[in-house]
Amino acid sequence: GGRHCAVYRDDDGELHIVAARCTHMGCLVRFNDAERTW
């Protein structure tokens, strides 16, 4: 839809969707697969 979304599915199968643009200066976040963070 013209914008970037950060999408995560937890261990229970639930989706968590947030904007992917960092609120600091607008770079796109990336997923950390160990700490489960953006």
Full PDB file with SEQRES, HELIX, SHEET, SSBOND, CRYST1, ORIGX, SCALE, CONECT and MASTER records, all heavy atoms in Angstrom:
SEQRES   1 A   38  GLY GLY ARG HIS CYS ALA VAL TYR ARG ASP ASP ASP GLY          
SEQRES   2 A   38  GLU LEU HIS ILE VAL ALA ALA ARG CYS THR HIS MET GLY          
SEQRES   3 A   38  CYS LEU VAL ARG PHE ASN ASP ALA GLU ARG THR TRP              
SHEET    1 AA1 2 CYS A   5  ARG A   9  0                                        
SHEET    2 AA1 2 LEU A  15  ALA A  19 -1                                        
CRYST1    1.000    1.000    1.000  90.00  90.00  90.00 P 1           1          
ORIGX1      1.000000  0.000000  0.000000        0.00000                         
ORIGX2      0.000000  1.000000  0.000000        0.00000                         
ORIGX3      0.000000  0.000000  1.000000        0.00000                         
SCALE1      1.000000  0.000000  0.000000        0.00000                         
SCALE2      0.000000  1.000000  0.000000        0.00000                         
SCALE3      0.000000  0.000000  1.000000        0.00000                         
ATOM      1  N   GLY A   1       0.800  -1.211   0.000  1.00  0.00           N  
ATOM      2  CA  GLY A   1       0.000   0.000   0.000  1.00  0.00           C  
ATOM      3  C   GLY A   1       0.831   1.258   0.000  1.00  0.00           C  
ATOM      4  O   GLY A   1       0.413   2.293   0.535  1.00  0.00           O  
ATOM      5  N   GLY A   2       2.034   1.204  -0.551  1.00  0.00           N  
ATOM      6  CA  GLY A   2       2.871   2.385  -0.637  1.00  0.00           C  
ATOM      7  C   GLY A   2       3.658   2.704   0.619  1.00  0.00           C  
ATOM      8  O   GLY A   2       4.326   3.726   0.684  1.00  0.00           O  
ATOM      9  N   ARG A   3       3.607   1.829   1.618  1.00  0.00           N  
ATOM     10  CA  ARG A   3       4.394   2.085   2.828  1.00  0.00           C  
ATOM     11  C   ARG A   3       4.968   0.775   3.352  1.00  0.00           C  
ATOM     12  O   ARG A   3       4.513  -0.316   3.001  1.00  0.00           O  
ATOM     13  CB  ARG A   3       3.555   2.775   3.894  1.00  0.00           C  
ATOM     14  CG  ARG A   3       2.362   1.981   4.382  1.00  0.00           C  
ATOM     15  CD  ARG A   3       1.634   2.779   5.451  1.00  0.00           C  
ATOM     16  NE  ARG A   3       0.436   2.099   5.903  1.00  0.00           N  
ATOM     17  CZ  ARG A   3      -0.348   2.567   6.868  1.00  0.00           C  
ATOM     18  NH1 ARG A   3      -0.051   3.717   7.452  1.00  0.00           N  
ATOM     19  NH2 ARG A   3      -1.425   1.908   7.231  1.00  0.00           N  
ATOM     20  N   HIS A   4       5.962   0.911   4.215  1.00  0.00           N  
ATOM     21  CA  HIS A   4       6.662  -0.241   4.744  1.00  0.00           C  
ATOM     22  C   HIS A   4       6.127  -0.603   6.125  1.00  0.00           C  
ATOM     23  O   HIS A   4       5.930   0.261   6.978  1.00  0.00           O  
ATOM     24  CB  HIS A   4       8.158   0.039   4.840  1.00  0.00           C  
ATOM     25  CG  HIS A   4       8.798   0.295   3.511  1.00  0.00           C  
ATOM     26  ND1 HIS A   4       8.887   1.561   2.947  1.00  0.00           N  
ATOM     27  CD2 HIS A   4       9.367  -0.554   2.613  1.00  0.00           C  
ATOM     28  CE1 HIS A   4       9.493   1.480   1.777  1.00  0.00           C  
ATOM     29  NE2 HIS A   4       9.798   0.209   1.549  1.00  0.00           N  
ATOM     30  N   CYS A   5       5.918  -1.889   6.322  1.00  0.00           N  
ATOM     31  CA  CYS A   5       5.415  -2.391   7.597  1.00  0.00           C  
ATOM     32  C   CYS A   5       6.392  -3.421   8.160  1.00  0.00           C  
ATOM     33  O   CYS A   5       6.978  -4.211   7.419  1.00  0.00           O  
ATOM     34  CB  CYS A   5       4.048  -3.054   7.419  1.00  0.00           C  
ATOM     35  SG  CYS A   5       2.768  -1.958   6.779  1.00  0.00           S  
ATOM     36  N   ALA A   6       6.558  -3.404   9.479  1.00  0.00           N  
ATOM     37  CA  ALA A   6       7.360  -4.403  10.182  1.00  0.00           C  
ATOM     38  C   ALA A   6       6.397  -5.419  10.775  1.00  0.00           C  
ATOM     39  O   ALA A   6       5.581  -5.085  11.636  1.00  0.00           O  
ATOM     40  CB  ALA A   6       8.192  -3.741  11.269  1.00  0.00           C  
ATOM     41  N   VAL A   7       6.454  -6.651  10.295  1.00  0.00           N  
ATOM     42  CA  VAL A   7       5.471  -7.678  10.640  1.00  0.00           C  
ATOM     43  C   VAL A   7       6.156  -8.800  11.399  1.00  0.00           C  
ATOM     44  O   VAL A   7       7.170  -9.345  10.953  1.00  0.00           O  
ATOM     45  CB  VAL A   7       4.806  -8.245   9.367  1.00  0.00           C  
ATOM     46  CG1 VAL A   7       3.741  -9.265   9.732  1.00  0.00           C  
ATOM     47  CG2 VAL A   7       4.217  -7.114   8.524  1.00  0.00           C  
ATOM     48  N   TYR A   8       5.600  -9.159  12.546  1.00  0.00           N  
ATOM     49  CA  TYR A   8       6.156 -10.238  13.371  1.00  0.00           C  
ATOM     50  C   TYR A   8       5.030 -11.168  13.797  1.00  0.00           C  
ATOM     51  O   TYR A   8       3.952 -10.725  14.190  1.00  0.00           O  
ATOM     52  CB  TYR A   8       6.830  -9.653  14.615  1.00  0.00           C  
ATOM     53  CG  TYR A   8       7.167 -10.678  15.664  1.00  0.00           C  
ATOM     54  CD1 TYR A   8       8.198 -11.600  15.479  1.00  0.00           C  
ATOM     55  CD2 TYR A   8       6.456 -10.723  16.865  1.00  0.00           C  
ATOM     56  CE1 TYR A   8       8.503 -12.544  16.445  1.00  0.00           C  
ATOM     57  CE2 TYR A   8       6.757 -11.666  17.844  1.00  0.00           C  
ATOM     58  CZ  TYR A   8       7.779 -12.574  17.627  1.00  0.00           C  
ATOM     59  OH  TYR A   8       8.079 -13.502  18.587  1.00  0.00           O  
ATOM     60  N   ARG A   9       5.277 -12.488  13.706  1.00  0.00           N  
ATOM     61  CA  ARG A   9       4.317 -13.481  14.184  1.00  0.00           C  
ATOM     62  C   ARG A   9       4.919 -14.163  15.412  1.00  0.00           C  
ATOM     63  O   ARG A   9       6.002 -14.740  15.341  1.00  0.00           O  
ATOM     64  CB  ARG A   9       4.006 -14.521  13.108  1.00  0.00           C  
ATOM     65  CG  ARG A   9       2.875 -15.497  13.520  1.00  0.00           C  
ATOM     66  CD  ARG A   9       2.631 -16.549  12.461  1.00  0.00           C  
ATOM     67  NE  ARG A   9       2.113 -15.992  11.227  1.00  0.00           N  
ATOM     68  CZ  ARG A   9       0.827 -15.708  10.999  1.00  0.00           C  
ATOM     69  NH1 ARG A   9      -0.060 -15.929  11.949  1.00  0.00           N  
ATOM     70  NH2 ARG A   9       0.447 -15.209   9.853  1.00  0.00           N  
ATOM     71  N   ASP A  10       4.218 -14.084  16.560  1.00  0.00           N  
ATOM     72  CA  ASP A  10       4.771 -14.634  17.799  1.00  0.00           C  
ATOM     73  C   ASP A  10       4.575 -16.141  17.873  1.00  0.00           C  
ATOM     74  O   ASP A  10       4.036 -16.778  16.957  1.00  0.00           O  
ATOM     75  CB  ASP A  10       4.183 -13.915  19.023  1.00  0.00           C  
ATOM     76  CG  ASP A  10       2.678 -14.108  19.186  1.00  0.00           C  
ATOM     77  OD1 ASP A  10       2.138 -15.117  18.695  1.00  0.00           O  
ATOM     78  OD2 ASP A  10       2.045 -13.244  19.807  1.00  0.00           O  
ATOM     79  N   ASP A  11       5.005 -16.735  18.994  1.00  0.00           N  
ATOM     80  CA  ASP A  11       4.970 -18.191  19.142  1.00  0.00           C  
ATOM     81  C   ASP A  11       3.551 -18.744  19.183  1.00  0.00           C  
ATOM     82  O   ASP A  11       3.334 -19.937  18.935  1.00  0.00           O  
ATOM     83  CB  ASP A  11       5.707 -18.600  20.419  1.00  0.00           C  
ATOM     84  CG  ASP A  11       7.212 -18.452  20.286  1.00  0.00           C  
ATOM     85  OD1 ASP A  11       7.706 -18.392  19.147  1.00  0.00           O  
ATOM     86  OD2 ASP A  11       7.901 -18.384  21.328  1.00  0.00           O  
ATOM     87  N   ASP A  12       2.584 -17.911  19.510  1.00  0.00           N  
ATOM     88  CA  ASP A  12       1.187 -18.335  19.531  1.00  0.00           C  
ATOM     89  C   ASP A  12       0.492 -18.118  18.189  1.00  0.00           C  
ATOM     90  O   ASP A  12      -0.706 -18.375  18.064  1.00  0.00           O  
ATOM     91  CB  ASP A  12       0.424 -17.591  20.629  1.00  0.00           C  
ATOM     92  CG  ASP A  12       0.935 -17.929  22.018  1.00  0.00           C  
ATOM     93  OD1 ASP A  12       1.328 -19.092  22.224  1.00  0.00           O  
ATOM     94  OD2 ASP A  12       0.963 -17.036  22.883  1.00  0.00           O  
ATOM     95  N   GLY A  13       1.239 -17.611  17.210  1.00  0.00           N  
ATOM     96  CA  GLY A  13       0.672 -17.386  15.892  1.00  0.00           C  
ATOM     97  C   GLY A  13       0.056 -16.010  15.695  1.00  0.00           C  
ATOM     98  O   GLY A  13      -0.449 -15.713  14.613  1.00  0.00           O  
ATOM     99  N   GLU A  14       0.119 -15.149  16.705  1.00  0.00           N  
ATOM    100  CA  GLU A  14      -0.494 -13.824  16.597  1.00  0.00           C  
ATOM    101  C   GLU A  14       0.427 -12.874  15.847  1.00  0.00           C  
ATOM    102  O   GLU A  14       1.644 -12.841  16.074  1.00  0.00           O  
ATOM    103  CB  GLU A  14      -0.800 -13.268  17.986  1.00  0.00           C  
ATOM    104  CG  GLU A  14      -1.464 -11.899  17.967  1.00  0.00           C  
ATOM    105  CD  GLU A  14      -1.745 -11.378  19.358  1.00  0.00           C  
ATOM    106  OE1 GLU A  14      -1.531 -12.127  20.328  1.00  0.00           O  
ATOM    107  OE2 GLU A  14      -2.179 -10.208  19.480  1.00  0.00           O  
ATOM    108  N   LEU A  15      -0.165 -12.073  14.959  1.00  0.00           N  
ATOM    109  CA  LEU A  15       0.593 -11.092  14.198  1.00  0.00           C  
ATOM    110  C   LEU A  15       0.696  -9.773  14.957  1.00  0.00           C  
ATOM    111  O   LEU A  15      -0.250  -9.335  15.609  1.00  0.00           O  
ATOM    112  CB  LEU A  15      -0.063 -10.829  12.848  1.00  0.00           C  
ATOM    113  CG  LEU A  15       0.181 -11.844  11.733  1.00  0.00           C  
ATOM    114  CD1 LEU A  15      -0.647 -11.472  10.508  1.00  0.00           C  
ATOM    115  CD2 LEU A  15       1.658 -11.895  11.367  1.00  0.00           C  
ATOM    116  N   HIS A  16       1.867  -9.133  14.838  1.00  0.00           N  
ATOM    117  CA  HIS A  16       2.093  -7.798  15.377  1.00  0.00           C  
ATOM    118  C   HIS A  16       2.624  -6.958  14.217  1.00  0.00           C  
ATOM    119  O   HIS A  16       3.683  -7.270  13.655  1.00  0.00           O  
ATOM    120  CB  HIS A  16       3.104  -7.835  16.520  1.00  0.00           C  
ATOM    121  CG  HIS A  16       2.714  -8.757  17.637  1.00  0.00           C  
ATOM    122  ND1 HIS A  16       2.091  -8.329  18.779  1.00  0.00           N  
ATOM    123  CD2 HIS A  16       2.875 -10.111  17.771  1.00  0.00           C  
ATOM    124  CE1 HIS A  16       1.871  -9.351  19.582  1.00  0.00           C  
ATOM    125  NE2 HIS A  16       2.338 -10.451  18.990  1.00  0.00           N  
ATOM    126  N   ILE A  17       1.917  -5.903  13.871  1.00  0.00           N  
ATOM    127  CA  ILE A  17       2.277  -5.099  12.708  1.00  0.00           C  
ATOM    128  C   ILE A  17       2.460  -3.648  13.143  1.00  0.00           C  
ATOM    129  O   ILE A  17       1.561  -3.054  13.750  1.00  0.00           O  
ATOM    130  CB  ILE A  17       1.208  -5.183  11.603  1.00  0.00           C  
ATOM    131  CG1 ILE A  17       0.972  -6.647  11.220  1.00  0.00           C  
ATOM    132  CG2 ILE A  17       1.642  -4.383  10.380  1.00  0.00           C  
ATOM    133  CD1 ILE A  17      -0.124  -6.825  10.191  1.00  0.00           C  
ATOM    134  N   VAL A  18       3.630  -3.098  12.838  1.00  0.00           N  
ATOM    135  CA  VAL A  18       3.921  -1.706  13.155  1.00  0.00           C  
ATOM    136  C   VAL A  18       4.579  -1.064  11.943  1.00  0.00           C  
ATOM    137  O   VAL A  18       5.041  -1.746  11.024  1.00  0.00           O  
ATOM    138  CB  VAL A  18       4.856  -1.590  14.381  1.00  0.00           C  
ATOM    139  CG1 VAL A  18       4.167  -2.103  15.640  1.00  0.00           C  
ATOM    140  CG2 VAL A  18       6.166  -2.335  14.148  1.00  0.00           C  
ATOM    141  N   ALA A  19       4.623   0.259  11.934  1.00  0.00           N  
ATOM    142  CA  ALA A  19       5.322   0.973  10.870  1.00  0.00           C  
ATOM    143  C   ALA A  19       6.803   0.632  10.924  1.00  0.00           C  
ATOM    144  O   ALA A  19       7.387   0.507  11.996  1.00  0.00           O  
ATOM    145  CB  ALA A  19       5.116   2.474  11.025  1.00  0.00           C  
ATOM    146  N   ALA A  20       7.419   0.492   9.761  1.00  0.00           N  
ATOM    147  CA  ALA A  20       8.818   0.085   9.697  1.00  0.00           C  
ATOM    148  C   ALA A  20       9.784   1.258   9.706  1.00  0.00           C  
ATOM    149  O   ALA A  20      10.995   1.056   9.796  1.00  0.00           O  
ATOM    150  CB  ALA A  20       9.063  -0.765   8.448  1.00  0.00           C  
ATOM    151  N   ARG A  21       9.260   2.476   9.629  1.00  0.00           N  
ATOM    152  CA  ARG A  21      10.130   3.656   9.626  1.00  0.00           C  
ATOM    153  C   ARG A  21      10.508   4.023  11.056  1.00  0.00           C  
ATOM    154  O   ARG A  21       9.654   4.291  11.888  1.00  0.00           O  
ATOM    155  CB  ARG A  21       9.420   4.850   8.972  1.00  0.00           C  
ATOM    156  CG  ARG A  21       9.338   4.784   7.467  1.00  0.00           C  
ATOM    157  CD  ARG A  21       8.426   5.888   6.944  1.00  0.00           C  
ATOM    158  NE  ARG A  21       8.803   7.199   7.459  1.00  0.00           N  
ATOM    159  CZ  ARG A  21       9.617   8.053   6.843  1.00  0.00           C  
ATOM    160  NH1 ARG A  21      10.133   7.711   5.672  1.00  0.00           N  
ATOM    161  NH2 ARG A  21       9.897   9.222   7.358  1.00  0.00           N  
ATOM    162  N   CYS A  22      11.820   4.023  11.337  1.00  0.00           N  
ATOM    163  CA  CYS A  22      12.299   4.432  12.650  1.00  0.00           C  
ATOM    164  C   CYS A  22      11.848   5.867  12.921  1.00  0.00           C  
ATOM    165  O   CYS A  22      11.951   6.743  12.037  1.00  0.00           O  
ATOM    166  CB  CYS A  22      13.820   4.336  12.713  1.00  0.00           C  
ATOM    167  SG  CYS A  22      14.530   4.924  14.271  1.00  0.00           S  
ATOM    168  N   THR A  23      11.349   6.116  14.104  1.00  0.00           N  
ATOM    169  CA  THR A  23      10.821   7.437  14.444  1.00  0.00           C  
ATOM    170  C   THR A  23      11.918   8.451  14.731  1.00  0.00           C  
ATOM    171  O   THR A  23      11.628   9.614  15.006  1.00  0.00           O  
ATOM    172  CB  THR A  23       9.899   7.343  15.666  1.00  0.00           C  
ATOM    173  OG1 THR A  23      10.607   6.737  16.760  1.00  0.00           O  
ATOM    174  CG2 THR A  23       8.672   6.501  15.342  1.00  0.00           C  
ATOM    175  N   HIS A  24      13.155   8.027  14.657  1.00  0.00           N  
ATOM    176  CA  HIS A  24      14.266   8.962  14.864  1.00  0.00           C  
ATOM    177  C   HIS A  24      14.529   9.781  13.601  1.00  0.00           C  
ATOM    178  O   HIS A  24      14.303  10.985  13.581  1.00  0.00           O  
ATOM    179  CB  HIS A  24      15.529   8.188  15.280  1.00  0.00           C  
ATOM    180  CG  HIS A  24      16.763   9.011  15.354  1.00  0.00           C  
ATOM    181  ND1 HIS A  24      17.962   8.619  14.805  1.00  0.00           N  
ATOM    182  CD2 HIS A  24      17.000  10.224  15.910  1.00  0.00           C  
ATOM    183  CE1 HIS A  24      18.878   9.535  15.027  1.00  0.00           C  
ATOM    184  NE2 HIS A  24      18.314  10.521  15.695  1.00  0.00           N  
ATOM    185  N   MET A  25      14.958   9.107  12.527  1.00  0.00           N  
ATOM    186  CA  MET A  25      15.246   9.820  11.287  1.00  0.00           C  
ATOM    187  C   MET A  25      14.718   9.098  10.056  1.00  0.00           C  
ATOM    188  O   MET A  25      15.062   9.447   8.929  1.00  0.00           O  
ATOM    189  CB  MET A  25      16.756  10.068  11.153  1.00  0.00           C  
ATOM    190  CG  MET A  25      17.305  11.014  12.202  1.00  0.00           C  
ATOM    191  SD  MET A  25      19.051  11.429  11.999  1.00  0.00           S  
ATOM    192  CE  MET A  25      19.004  12.491  10.556  1.00  0.00           C  
ATOM    193  N   GLY A  26      13.894   8.072  10.243  1.00  0.00           N  
ATOM    194  CA  GLY A  26      13.175   7.498   9.118  1.00  0.00           C  
ATOM    195  C   GLY A  26      13.790   6.322   8.420  1.00  0.00           C  
ATOM    196  O   GLY A  26      13.243   5.844   7.414  1.00  0.00           O  
ATOM    197  N   CYS A  27      14.906   5.789   8.893  1.00  0.00           N  
ATOM    198  CA  CYS A  27      15.454   4.578   8.291  1.00  0.00           C  
ATOM    199  C   CYS A  27      14.534   3.395   8.584  1.00  0.00           C  
ATOM    200  O   CYS A  27      13.792   3.401   9.565  1.00  0.00           O  
ATOM    201  CB  CYS A  27      16.849   4.298   8.842  1.00  0.00           C  
ATOM    202  SG  CYS A  27      18.103   5.500   8.352  1.00  0.00           S  
ATOM    203  N   LEU A  28      14.589   2.382   7.744  1.00  0.00           N  
ATOM    204  CA  LEU A  28      13.762   1.201   7.952  1.00  0.00           C  
ATOM    205  C   LEU A  28      14.414   0.256   8.951  1.00  0.00           C  
ATOM    206  O   LEU A  28      15.615  -0.018   8.876  1.00  0.00           O  
ATOM    207  CB  LEU A  28      13.540   0.459   6.630  1.00  0.00           C  
ATOM    208  CG  LEU A  28      12.756   1.205   5.549  1.00  0.00           C  
ATOM    209  CD1 LEU A  28      12.498   0.276   4.373  1.00  0.00           C  
ATOM    210  CD2 LEU A  28      11.455   1.759   6.089  1.00  0.00           C  
ATOM    211  N   VAL A  29      13.610  -0.238   9.880  1.00  0.00           N  
ATOM    212  CA  VAL A  29      14.123  -1.150  10.892  1.00  0.00           C  
ATOM    213  C   VAL A  29      14.327  -2.538  10.300  1.00  0.00           C  
ATOM    214  O   VAL A  29      13.807  -2.858   9.232  1.00  0.00           O  
ATOM    215  CB  VAL A  29      13.170  -1.223  12.102  1.00  0.00           C  
ATOM    216  CG1 VAL A  29      13.063   0.133  12.782  1.00  0.00           C  
ATOM    217  CG2 VAL A  29      11.790  -1.735  11.680  1.00  0.00           C  
ATOM    218  N   ARG A  30      15.074  -3.367  11.034  1.00  0.00           N  
ATOM    219  CA  ARG A  30      15.315  -4.755  10.647  1.00  0.00           C  
ATOM    220  C   ARG A  30      15.083  -5.651  11.854  1.00  0.00           C  
ATOM    221  O   ARG A  30      15.228  -5.214  12.998  1.00  0.00           O  
ATOM    222  CB  ARG A  30      16.744  -4.931  10.120  1.00  0.00           C  
ATOM    223  CG  ARG A  30      17.004  -4.218   8.794  1.00  0.00           C  
ATOM    224  CD  ARG A  30      18.402  -4.505   8.310  1.00  0.00           C  
ATOM    225  NE  ARG A  30      18.643  -3.969   6.981  1.00  0.00           N  
ATOM    226  CZ  ARG A  30      19.753  -4.193   6.281  1.00  0.00           C  
ATOM    227  NH1 ARG A  30      20.716  -4.947   6.794  1.00  0.00           N  
ATOM    228  NH2 ARG A  30      19.904  -3.675   5.082  1.00  0.00           N  
ATOM    229  N   PHE A  31      14.785  -6.920  11.583  1.00  0.00           N  
ATOM    230  CA  PHE A  31      14.424  -7.842  12.657  1.00  0.00           C  
ATOM    231  C   PHE A  31      15.654  -8.506  13.247  1.00  0.00           C  
ATOM    232  O   PHE A  31      16.551  -8.953  12.527  1.00  0.00           O  
ATOM    233  CB  PHE A  31      13.475  -8.913  12.120  1.00  0.00           C  
ATOM    234  CG  PHE A  31      12.889  -9.795  13.188  1.00  0.00           C  
ATOM    235  CD1 PHE A  31      12.069  -9.266  14.173  1.00  0.00           C  
ATOM    236  CD2 PHE A  31      13.171 -11.160  13.214  1.00  0.00           C  
ATOM    237  CE1 PHE A  31      11.525 -10.079  15.159  1.00  0.00           C  
ATOM    238  CE2 PHE A  31      12.628 -11.984  14.187  1.00  0.00           C  
ATOM    239  CZ  PHE A  31      11.803 -11.431  15.163  1.00  0.00           C  
ATOM    240  N   ASN A  32      15.697  -8.570  14.586  1.00  0.00           N  
ATOM    241  CA  ASN A  32      16.732  -9.303  15.318  1.00  0.00           C  
ATOM    242  C   ASN A  32      16.121 -10.634  15.738  1.00  0.00           C  
ATOM    243  O   ASN A  32      15.232 -10.681  16.591  1.00  0.00           O  
ATOM    244  CB  ASN A  32      17.177  -8.485  16.537  1.00  0.00           C  
ATOM    245  CG  ASN A  32      18.237  -9.174  17.376  1.00  0.00           C  
ATOM    246  OD1 ASN A  32      18.207 -10.382  17.570  1.00  0.00           O  
ATOM    247  ND2 ASN A  32      19.173  -8.390  17.887  1.00  0.00           N  
ATOM    248  N   ASP A  33      16.590 -11.725  15.152  1.00  0.00           N  
ATOM    249  CA  ASP A  33      15.948 -13.020  15.353  1.00  0.00           C  
ATOM    250  C   ASP A  33      16.279 -13.659  16.694  1.00  0.00           C  
ATOM    251  O   ASP A  33      15.634 -14.641  17.091  1.00  0.00           O  
ATOM    252  CB  ASP A  33      16.317 -13.985  14.216  1.00  0.00           C  
ATOM    253  CG  ASP A  33      17.805 -14.266  14.119  1.00  0.00           C  
ATOM    254  OD1 ASP A  33      18.595 -13.498  14.703  1.00  0.00           O  
ATOM    255  OD2 ASP A  33      18.190 -15.242  13.446  1.00  0.00           O  
ATOM    256  N   ALA A  34      17.269 -13.142  17.434  1.00  0.00           N  
ATOM    257  CA  ALA A  34      17.593 -13.678  18.752  1.00  0.00           C  
ATOM    258  C   ALA A  34      16.802 -12.979  19.847  1.00  0.00           C  
ATOM    259  O   ALA A  34      16.173 -13.616  20.685  1.00  0.00           O  
ATOM    260  CB  ALA A  34      19.089 -13.551  19.016  1.00  0.00           C  
ATOM    261  N   GLU A  35      16.822 -11.648  19.844  1.00  0.00           N  
ATOM    262  CA  GLU A  35      16.110 -10.877  20.867  1.00  0.00           C  
ATOM    263  C   GLU A  35      14.663 -10.593  20.490  1.00  0.00           C  
ATOM    264  O   GLU A  35      13.894 -10.104  21.309  1.00  0.00           O  
ATOM    265  CB  GLU A  35      16.855  -9.564  21.122  1.00  0.00           C  
ATOM    266  CG  GLU A  35      18.248  -9.776  21.679  1.00  0.00           C  
ATOM    267  CD  GLU A  35      19.080  -8.522  21.679  1.00  0.00           C  
ATOM    268  OE1 GLU A  35      19.686  -8.206  20.628  1.00  0.00           O  
ATOM    269  OE2 GLU A  35      19.132  -7.831  22.717  1.00  0.00           O  
ATOM    270  N   ARG A  36      14.311 -10.902  19.240  1.00  0.00           N  
ATOM    271  CA  ARG A  36      12.971 -10.646  18.723  1.00  0.00           C  
ATOM    272  C   ARG A  36      12.589  -9.176  18.926  1.00  0.00           C  
ATOM    273  O   ARG A  36      11.626  -8.825  19.611  1.00  0.00           O  
ATOM    274  CB  ARG A  36      11.954 -11.580  19.359  1.00  0.00           C  
ATOM    275  CG  ARG A  36      12.273 -13.052  19.122  1.00  0.00           C  
ATOM    276  CD  ARG A  36      11.095 -13.940  19.434  1.00  0.00           C  
ATOM    277  NE  ARG A  36      11.482 -15.352  19.410  1.00  0.00           N  
ATOM    278  CZ  ARG A  36      10.626 -16.353  19.479  1.00  0.00           C  
ATOM    279  NH1 ARG A  36       9.328 -16.107  19.579  1.00  0.00           N  
ATOM    280  NH2 ARG A  36      11.044 -17.600  19.460  1.00  0.00           N  
ATOM    281  N   THR A  37      13.399  -8.348  18.326  1.00  0.00           N  
ATOM    282  CA  THR A  37      13.205  -6.900  18.374  1.00  0.00           C  
ATOM    283  C   THR A  37      13.432  -6.327  16.992  1.00  0.00           C  
ATOM    284  O   THR A  37      13.960  -7.000  16.099  1.00  0.00           O  
ATOM    285  CB  THR A  37      14.199  -6.244  19.349  1.00  0.00           C  
ATOM    286  OG1 THR A  37      15.551  -6.586  18.955  1.00  0.00           O  
ATOM    287  CG2 THR A  37      13.970  -6.712  20.780  1.00  0.00           C  
ATOM    288  N   TRP A  38      13.030  -5.085  16.826  1.00  0.00           N  
ATOM    289  CA  TRP A  38      13.310  -4.341  15.602  1.00  0.00           C  
ATOM    290  C   TRP A  38      14.458  -3.379  15.889  1.00  0.00           C  
ATOM    291  O   TRP A  38      14.458  -2.689  16.901  1.00  0.00           O  
ATOM    292  CB  TRP A  38      12.076  -3.567  15.133  1.00  0.00           C  
ATOM    293  CG  TRP A  38      10.930  -4.454  14.768  1.00  0.00           C  
ATOM    294  CD1 TRP A  38       9.776  -4.651  15.468  1.00  0.00           C  
ATOM    295  CD2 TRP A  38      10.814  -5.262  13.584  1.00  0.00           C  
ATOM    296  NE1 TRP A  38       8.952  -5.543  14.813  1.00  0.00           N  
ATOM    297  CE2 TRP A  38       9.559  -5.929  13.653  1.00  0.00           C  
ATOM    298  CE3 TRP A  38      11.640  -5.489  12.490  1.00  0.00           C  
ATOM    299  CZ2 TRP A  38       9.131  -6.801  12.656  1.00  0.00           C  
ATOM    300  CZ3 TRP A  38      11.214  -6.371  11.495  1.00  0.00           C  
ATOM    301  CH2 TRP A  38       9.970  -7.016  11.585  1.00  0.00           C  
TER     302      TRP A  38                                                      
MASTER        0    0    0    0    2    0    0    6  301    1    0    3          
END                                                                             
